[in-house]
Amino acid sequence: MAVRDNLSLVCGSPELEQVNTELVSRWNNALVFVSYLRQYQTFDDYVHVVIYTRNDSNFTTNNLLVVSDLVLGVSDPSVDGFEALMNLDEHVSFLAGELRDLFTGDSYVRAKVAFLGNKVAHNTDVSRQFKQVIAEKP
């Protein structure tokens, strides 16, 4: 659906849970979406594609992480938020190590992980610690 000349929305599926269940029994179940993108020109007219996912590591999310160039973790400066960011970074690294071409050894995962703070205050210790941790990430 075209929003304006240089912006479109592509709707997802309301049946993602069913898709995830079906992916469980598939070989290479984390590479289904990348296979689709290679076969069809769905996104060829776009410079950037932004995919919004839940903060989880199910098969559907893994498929979307595999095709990503950048994974942006957005979090507030809470313990749960910080833990979620660390888990995201570890999970993308895990996928990069596991999803490799059998012949070349190259990873199918090219994604870099970046963090973006939300609701970060300038006057709290937790926010200062959060900013320090985010600044240390490459």
Protein backbone atom coordinates (compact mmCIF):
# COMPACT_ATOMS: atom_id res chain seq x y z
CA MET A 1 0.00 0.00 0.00
CA ALA A 2 1.58 3.28 -1.12
CA VAL A 3 1.51 5.95 1.58
CA ARG A 4 3.26 8.50 -0.66
CA ASP A 5 5.76 8.46 -3.51
CA ASN A 6 8.70 7.14 -1.53
CA LEU A 7 6.95 5.27 1.29
CA SER A 8 4.86 2.10 1.27
CA LEU A 9 3.49 -0.24 3.91
CA VAL A 10 3.59 -3.98 3.38
CA CYS A 11 1.18 -5.76 5.67
CA GLY A 12 2.25 -8.76 7.68
CA SER A 13 0.17 -11.81 8.39
CA PRO A 14 -2.34 -12.08 11.24
CA GLU A 15 -1.50 -15.79 11.29
CA LEU A 16 2.14 -15.51 12.35
CA GLU A 17 1.68 -18.02 15.15
CA GLN A 18 0.47 -20.57 12.60
CA VAL A 19 3.39 -19.73 10.30
CA ASN A 20 5.77 -20.20 13.22
CA THR A 21 4.22 -23.59 14.00
CA GLU A 22 4.62 -24.67 10.37
CA LEU A 23 8.27 -23.57 10.35
CA VAL A 24 9.09 -25.95 13.20
CA SER A 25 8.94 -28.97 10.90
CA ARG A 26 10.79 -27.39 7.93
CA TRP A 27 14.41 -28.05 7.07
CA ASN A 28 16.42 -24.83 7.17
CA ASN A 29 13.51 -23.22 8.98
CA ALA A 30 15.47 -20.01 9.61
CA LEU A 31 16.20 -19.51 5.90
CA VAL A 32 12.69 -19.61 4.42
CA PHE A 33 12.28 -15.83 4.08
CA VAL A 34 15.73 -15.33 2.54
CA SER A 35 14.84 -18.02 0.00
CA TYR A 36 11.61 -16.17 -0.78
CA LEU A 37 13.46 -12.89 -1.28
CA ARG A 38 15.87 -14.54 -3.72
CA GLN A 39 13.00 -15.98 -5.78
CA TYR A 40 10.69 -12.97 -5.90
CA GLN A 41 11.28 -9.26 -6.44
CA THR A 42 8.89 -8.10 -3.72
CA PHE A 43 11.26 -5.51 -2.27
CA ASP A 44 13.47 -4.69 -5.27
CA ASP A 45 12.00 -1.19 -5.64
CA TYR A 46 12.91 -0.19 -2.08
CA VAL A 47 16.12 1.36 -0.80
CA HIS A 48 15.29 0.47 2.82
CA VAL A 49 12.92 -2.08 4.28
CA VAL A 50 11.99 -1.76 7.95
CA ILE A 51 10.61 -4.90 9.57
CA TYR A 52 9.03 -4.65 12.98
CA THR A 53 9.11 -7.82 15.07
CA ARG A 54 8.34 -8.91 18.56
CA ASN A 55 11.19 -9.20 21.02
CA ASP A 56 11.52 -12.97 20.85
CA SER A 57 13.56 -15.65 19.14
CA ASN A 58 10.94 -17.79 17.45
CA PHE A 59 11.33 -19.16 13.93
CA THR A 60 9.49 -16.26 12.31
CA THR A 61 11.70 -13.69 14.02
CA ASN A 62 14.82 -15.68 13.13
CA ASN A 63 13.84 -15.58 9.45
CA LEU A 64 13.55 -11.80 9.62
CA LEU A 65 16.85 -11.41 11.48
CA VAL A 66 18.64 -13.44 8.80
CA VAL A 67 17.65 -11.02 6.01
CA SER A 68 18.42 -7.89 8.03
CA ASP A 69 21.39 -5.60 7.58
CA LEU A 70 20.72 -3.78 10.84
CA VAL A 71 18.86 -4.97 13.91
CA LEU A 72 17.86 -2.06 16.11
CA GLY A 73 17.15 -2.92 19.73
CA VAL A 74 15.08 -0.23 21.42
CA SER A 75 14.90 -0.23 25.21
CA ASP A 76 14.34 1.87 28.26
CA PRO A 77 17.04 1.96 30.97
CA SER A 78 15.59 -0.82 33.11
CA VAL A 79 17.12 -4.12 34.15
CA ASP A 80 14.63 -6.01 31.97
CA GLY A 81 15.30 -3.71 29.02
CA PHE A 82 19.06 -4.04 29.36
CA GLU A 83 18.77 -7.83 29.63
CA ALA A 84 16.61 -7.90 26.49
CA LEU A 85 19.25 -5.91 24.58
CA MET A 86 22.03 -8.25 25.68
CA ASN A 87 19.90 -11.26 24.74
CA LEU A 88 19.24 -9.74 21.31
CA ASP A 89 22.95 -9.21 20.68
CA GLU A 90 23.77 -12.76 21.82
CA HIS A 91 20.96 -14.26 19.75
CA VAL A 92 22.05 -12.53 16.52
CA SER A 93 25.63 -13.67 17.19
CA PHE A 94 24.37 -17.21 17.78
CA LEU A 95 22.46 -17.18 14.48
CA ALA A 96 25.52 -15.84 12.66
CA GLY A 97 27.57 -18.72 14.02
CA GLU A 98 24.99 -21.41 13.31
CA LEU A 99 23.59 -20.40 9.93
CA ARG A 100 26.55 -20.94 7.64
CA ASP A 101 26.96 -22.10 4.08
CA LEU A 102 28.14 -25.71 4.24
CA PHE A 103 30.65 -25.29 1.42
CA THR A 104 32.13 -21.85 2.02
CA GLY A 105 31.62 -21.48 5.77
CA ASP A 106 30.25 -17.96 5.23
CA SER A 107 27.44 -16.90 7.52
CA TYR A 108 24.04 -16.13 6.07
CA VAL A 109 23.56 -13.53 8.82
CA ARG A 110 25.02 -10.11 7.98
CA ALA A 111 23.08 -8.12 10.56
CA LYS A 112 24.78 -5.67 12.85
CA VAL A 113 23.10 -4.95 16.17
CA ALA A 114 22.66 -1.38 17.40
CA PHE A 115 20.95 -0.13 20.54
CA LEU A 116 18.68 2.85 20.90
CA GLY A 117 17.70 4.16 24.31
CA ASN A 118 14.13 5.22 25.00
CA LYS A 119 12.93 7.22 28.00
CA VAL A 120 16.53 7.87 29.06
CA ALA A 121 16.72 10.59 31.67
CA HIS A 122 19.70 12.88 32.18
CA ASN A 123 19.58 12.84 35.97
CA THR A 124 19.35 9.21 37.15
CA ASP A 125 22.09 6.69 37.88
CA VAL A 126 20.29 3.96 35.94
CA SER A 127 20.08 6.15 32.84
CA ARG A 128 23.74 7.14 33.11
CA GLN A 129 24.77 3.48 33.40
CA PHE A 130 22.53 2.61 30.47
CA LYS A 131 24.09 5.34 28.30
CA GLN A 132 27.56 4.14 29.24
CA VAL A 133 26.78 0.55 28.22
CA ILE A 134 25.21 1.66 24.94
CA ALA A 135 28.21 3.90 24.19
CA GLU A 136 30.56 0.93 24.66
CA LYS A 137 28.78 -1.06 21.95
CA PRO A 138 30.42 -0.70 18.54
